[in-house]
Amino acid sequence: MNRGFFTGRVAKKPVFRNGGSEATPVCFFTLLNNEYAGKDAKGESVERKVAISFTAFGPKAKLIAEQSYEGDQLIVSYRVMNNDREKDGIVSYNFSFIVDEISFGAPGKIKRERLAKTKEDGSDNGL
């Protein structure tokens, strides 16, 4: 099993599915990060955008869905899981990035604005 760490910003509000009474809650979200991609013809550094879609289950799924907003930084420990499918005799090989652990980093613009509003109002329901 392959494991890794990824730090990035939430691309858009995570999608949460409670799963009903029998199923496990699940959350889908994408993190974005820029990485070094070499130098251009002028010798200047070039970056490329990396986007990875993650899946979280159980209590972690609910936490991510409730506490993450577009632009928030998350640090994810994940494992890679095979996600092969067969349809009409043709096998499609794929993989999923499954969240093992999550840490919250710097808040994005939306969360900062909500925190500021909460501070101004004196309430604690801004998030």
C-alpha atoms as a PDB file:
ATOM      1  CA  MET A   1       0.000   0.000   0.000  1.00  0.00           C
ATOM      2  CA  ASN A   2       1.314   3.433  -0.943  1.00  0.00           C
ATOM      3  CA  ARG A   3       1.056   6.305   1.526  1.00  0.00           C
ATOM      4  CA  GLY A   4       1.828   9.974   1.177  1.00  0.00           C
ATOM      5  CA  PHE A   5       1.319  13.524   2.401  1.00  0.00           C
ATOM      6  CA  PHE A   6      -0.096  16.432   0.452  1.00  0.00           C
ATOM      7  CA  THR A   7      -0.532  20.070   1.438  1.00  0.00           C
ATOM      8  CA  GLY A   8      -2.842  22.199  -0.632  1.00  0.00           C
ATOM      9  CA  ARG A   9      -5.750  24.621  -0.760  1.00  0.00           C
ATOM     10  CA  VAL A  10      -9.358  23.440  -1.031  1.00  0.00           C
ATOM     11  CA  ALA A  11     -10.500  24.001  -4.630  1.00  0.00           C
ATOM     12  CA  LYS A  12     -14.225  24.317  -3.794  1.00  0.00           C
ATOM     13  CA  LYS A  13     -16.567  23.469  -0.947  1.00  0.00           C
ATOM     14  CA  PRO A  14     -16.275  19.722  -0.191  1.00  0.00           C
ATOM     15  CA  VAL A  15     -19.190  17.458  -1.130  1.00  0.00           C
ATOM     16  CA  PHE A  16     -20.614  15.496   1.818  1.00  0.00           C
ATOM     17  CA  ARG A  17     -22.939  12.494   1.684  1.00  0.00           C
ATOM     18  CA  ASN A  18     -24.293  11.307   5.011  1.00  0.00           C
ATOM     19  CA  GLY A  19     -24.942   7.817   3.687  1.00  0.00           C
ATOM     20  CA  GLY A  20     -28.166   7.255   5.623  1.00  0.00           C
ATOM     21  CA  SER A  21     -28.623   5.037   8.659  1.00  0.00           C
ATOM     22  CA  GLU A  22     -26.640   2.059   7.362  1.00  0.00           C
ATOM     23  CA  ALA A  23     -23.929   3.628   5.210  1.00  0.00           C
ATOM     24  CA  THR A  24     -20.715   5.379   6.226  1.00  0.00           C
ATOM     25  CA  PRO A  25     -20.563   9.165   5.692  1.00  0.00           C
ATOM     26  CA  VAL A  26     -18.266  10.181   2.832  1.00  0.00           C
ATOM     27  CA  CYS A  27     -16.702  13.477   1.730  1.00  0.00           C
ATOM     28  CA  PHE A  28     -15.122  14.291  -1.624  1.00  0.00           C
ATOM     29  CA  PHE A  29     -12.790  17.268  -2.025  1.00  0.00           C
ATOM     30  CA  THR A  30      -9.927  18.486  -4.202  1.00  0.00           C
ATOM     31  CA  LEU A  31      -6.712  20.137  -3.044  1.00  0.00           C
ATOM     32  CA  LEU A  32      -4.610  22.416  -5.259  1.00  0.00           C
ATOM     33  CA  ASN A  33      -0.923  23.186  -5.001  1.00  0.00           C
ATOM     34  CA  ASN A  34       1.759  24.664  -7.240  1.00  0.00           C
ATOM     35  CA  GLU A  35       5.003  22.790  -7.787  1.00  0.00           C
ATOM     36  CA  TYR A  36       8.268  23.576  -9.498  1.00  0.00           C
ATOM     37  CA  ALA A  37       8.245  22.526 -13.164  1.00  0.00           C
ATOM     38  CA  GLY A  38      11.688  23.595 -14.333  1.00  0.00           C
ATOM     39  CA  LYS A  39      12.834  26.718 -16.119  1.00  0.00           C
ATOM     40  CA  ASP A  40      11.495  28.421 -19.204  1.00  0.00           C
ATOM     41  CA  ALA A  41      13.536  29.583 -22.213  1.00  0.00           C
ATOM     42  CA  LYS A  42      14.523  32.775 -20.315  1.00  0.00           C
ATOM     43  CA  GLY A  43      15.819  30.757 -17.369  1.00  0.00           C
ATOM     44  CA  GLU A  44      12.969  31.759 -15.061  1.00  0.00           C
ATOM     45  CA  SER A  45      11.268  29.272 -12.763  1.00  0.00           C
ATOM     46  CA  VAL A  46       8.006  27.773 -13.978  1.00  0.00           C
ATOM     47  CA  GLU A  47       5.297  26.295 -11.782  1.00  0.00           C
ATOM     48  CA  ARG A  48       2.487  23.921 -12.641  1.00  0.00           C
ATOM     49  CA  LYS A  49      -0.769  23.434 -10.783  1.00  0.00           C
ATOM     50  CA  VAL A  50      -1.317  20.046  -9.137  1.00  0.00           C
ATOM     51  CA  ALA A  51      -4.877  18.992  -8.275  1.00  0.00           C
ATOM     52  CA  ILE A  52      -5.613  15.825  -6.323  1.00  0.00           C
ATOM     53  CA  SER A  53      -9.100  14.583  -5.474  1.00  0.00           C
ATOM     54  CA  PHE A  54      -9.445  12.949  -2.068  1.00  0.00           C
ATOM     55  CA  THR A  55     -12.097  10.835  -0.367  1.00  0.00           C
ATOM     56  CA  ALA A  56     -12.669  10.776   3.396  1.00  0.00           C
ATOM     57  CA  PHE A  57     -14.963   8.471   5.372  1.00  0.00           C
ATOM     58  CA  GLY A  58     -16.681   8.499   8.767  1.00  0.00           C
ATOM     59  CA  PRO A  59     -16.046  11.251  11.329  1.00  0.00           C
ATOM     60  CA  LYS A  60     -13.208  12.707   9.221  1.00  0.00           C
ATOM     61  CA  ALA A  61     -15.645  13.170   6.329  1.00  0.00           C
ATOM     62  CA  LYS A  62     -18.046  15.143   8.498  1.00  0.00           C
ATOM     63  CA  LEU A  63     -15.248  17.264  10.006  1.00  0.00           C
ATOM     64  CA  ILE A  64     -13.836  18.175   6.600  1.00  0.00           C
ATOM     65  CA  ALA A  65     -17.272  18.985   5.173  1.00  0.00           C
ATOM     66  CA  GLU A  66     -18.218  21.188   8.140  1.00  0.00           C
ATOM     67  CA  GLN A  67     -14.898  22.986   8.670  1.00  0.00           C
ATOM     68  CA  SER A  68     -13.396  23.399   5.177  1.00  0.00           C
ATOM     69  CA  TYR A  69     -14.100  26.196   2.759  1.00  0.00           C
ATOM     70  CA  GLU A  70     -12.681  27.116  -0.626  1.00  0.00           C
ATOM     71  CA  GLY A  71      -9.119  28.384  -0.195  1.00  0.00           C
ATOM     72  CA  ASP A  72      -8.469  26.765   3.202  1.00  0.00           C
ATOM     73  CA  GLN A  73      -5.158  24.962   3.541  1.00  0.00           C
ATOM     74  CA  LEU A  74      -5.300  21.276   4.481  1.00  0.00           C
ATOM     75  CA  ILE A  75      -2.487  18.844   5.212  1.00  0.00           C
ATOM     76  CA  VAL A  76      -3.545  15.318   4.318  1.00  0.00           C
ATOM     77  CA  SER A  77      -1.998  11.963   5.084  1.00  0.00           C
ATOM     78  CA  TYR A  78      -3.424   9.550   2.532  1.00  0.00           C
ATOM     79  CA  ARG A  79      -3.173   6.064   1.102  1.00  0.00           C
ATOM     80  CA  VAL A  80      -3.618   5.079  -2.502  1.00  0.00           C
ATOM     81  CA  MET A  81      -6.275   2.438  -3.119  1.00  0.00           C
ATOM     82  CA  ASN A  82      -6.978   0.574  -6.345  1.00  0.00           C
ATOM     83  CA  ASN A  83     -10.349   1.391  -7.808  1.00  0.00           C
ATOM     84  CA  ASP A  84     -10.565  -1.001 -10.771  1.00  0.00           C
ATOM     85  CA  ARG A  85     -13.889  -1.514 -12.539  1.00  0.00           C
ATOM     86  CA  GLU A  86     -15.113  -3.910 -15.176  1.00  0.00           C
ATOM     87  CA  LYS A  87     -17.869  -3.011 -17.606  1.00  0.00           C
ATOM     88  CA  ASP A  88     -18.867  -5.069 -20.641  1.00  0.00           C
ATOM     89  CA  GLY A  89     -15.747  -7.212 -20.200  1.00  0.00           C
ATOM     90  CA  ILE A  90     -13.401  -4.215 -20.305  1.00  0.00           C
ATOM     91  CA  VAL A  91     -11.361  -3.494 -17.183  1.00  0.00           C
ATOM     92  CA  SER A  92     -10.719   0.130 -16.302  1.00  0.00           C
ATOM     93  CA  TYR A  93      -7.769   0.616 -13.951  1.00  0.00           C
ATOM     94  CA  ASN A  94      -7.974   3.552 -11.596  1.00  0.00           C
ATOM     95  CA  PHE A  95      -7.030   4.595  -8.078  1.00  0.00           C
ATOM     96  CA  SER A  96      -8.378   6.724  -5.217  1.00  0.00           C
ATOM     97  CA  PHE A  97      -6.632   8.852  -2.611  1.00  0.00           C
ATOM     98  CA  ILE A  98      -8.154   7.918   0.760  1.00  0.00           C
ATOM     99  CA  VAL A  99      -7.667  10.273   3.731  1.00  0.00           C
ATOM    100  CA  ASP A 100      -6.048   8.687   6.788  1.00  0.00           C
ATOM    101  CA  GLU A 101      -5.356  11.877   8.767  1.00  0.00           C
ATOM    102  CA  ILE A 102      -6.150  15.534   8.281  1.00  0.00           C
ATOM    103  CA  SER A 103      -4.697  18.748   9.719  1.00  0.00           C
ATOM    104  CA  PHE A 104      -6.039  22.220   9.143  1.00  0.00           C
ATOM    105  CA  GLY A 105      -3.555  24.846   7.995  1.00  0.00           C
ATOM    106  CA  ALA A 106      -4.026  28.522   7.176  1.00  0.00           C
ATOM    107  CA  PRO A 107      -7.620  29.642   6.613  1.00  0.00           C
ATOM    108  CA  GLY A 108      -8.648  30.859   3.185  1.00  0.00           C
ATOM    109  CA  LYS A 109     -10.413  34.119   2.356  1.00  0.00           C
ATOM    110  CA  ILE A 110     -13.933  32.817   3.068  1.00  0.00           C
ATOM    111  CA  LYS A 111     -13.038  31.502   6.520  1.00  0.00           C
ATOM    112  CA  ARG A 112     -11.058  34.652   7.388  1.00  0.00           C
ATOM    113  CA  GLU A 113     -14.065  36.810   6.467  1.00  0.00           C
ATOM    114  CA  ARG A 114     -16.382  34.638   8.558  1.00  0.00           C
ATOM    115  CA  LEU A 115     -13.992  34.757  11.490  1.00  0.00           C
ATOM    116  CA  ALA A 116     -13.780  38.560  11.233  1.00  0.00           C
ATOM    117  CA  LYS A 117     -17.585  38.841  11.100  1.00  0.00           C
ATOM    118  CA  THR A 118     -17.897  36.563  14.125  1.00  0.00           C
ATOM    119  CA  LYS A 119     -15.440  38.746  16.022  1.00  0.00           C
ATOM    120  CA  GLU A 120     -17.390  41.914  15.092  1.00  0.00           C
ATOM    121  CA  ASP A 121     -20.784  40.406  16.005  1.00  0.00           C
ATOM    122  CA  GLY A 122     -19.534  38.793  19.175  1.00  0.00           C
ATOM    123  CA  SER A 123     -21.274  35.588  18.115  1.00  0.00           C
ATOM    124  CA  ASP A 124     -19.760  32.169  17.640  1.00  0.00           C
ATOM    125  CA  ASN A 125     -21.847  30.963  14.695  1.00  0.00           C
ATOM    126  CA  GLY A 126     -19.800  32.567  11.902  1.00  0.00           C
ATOM    127  CA  LEU A 127     -18.416  29.186  10.924  1.00  0.00           C
END
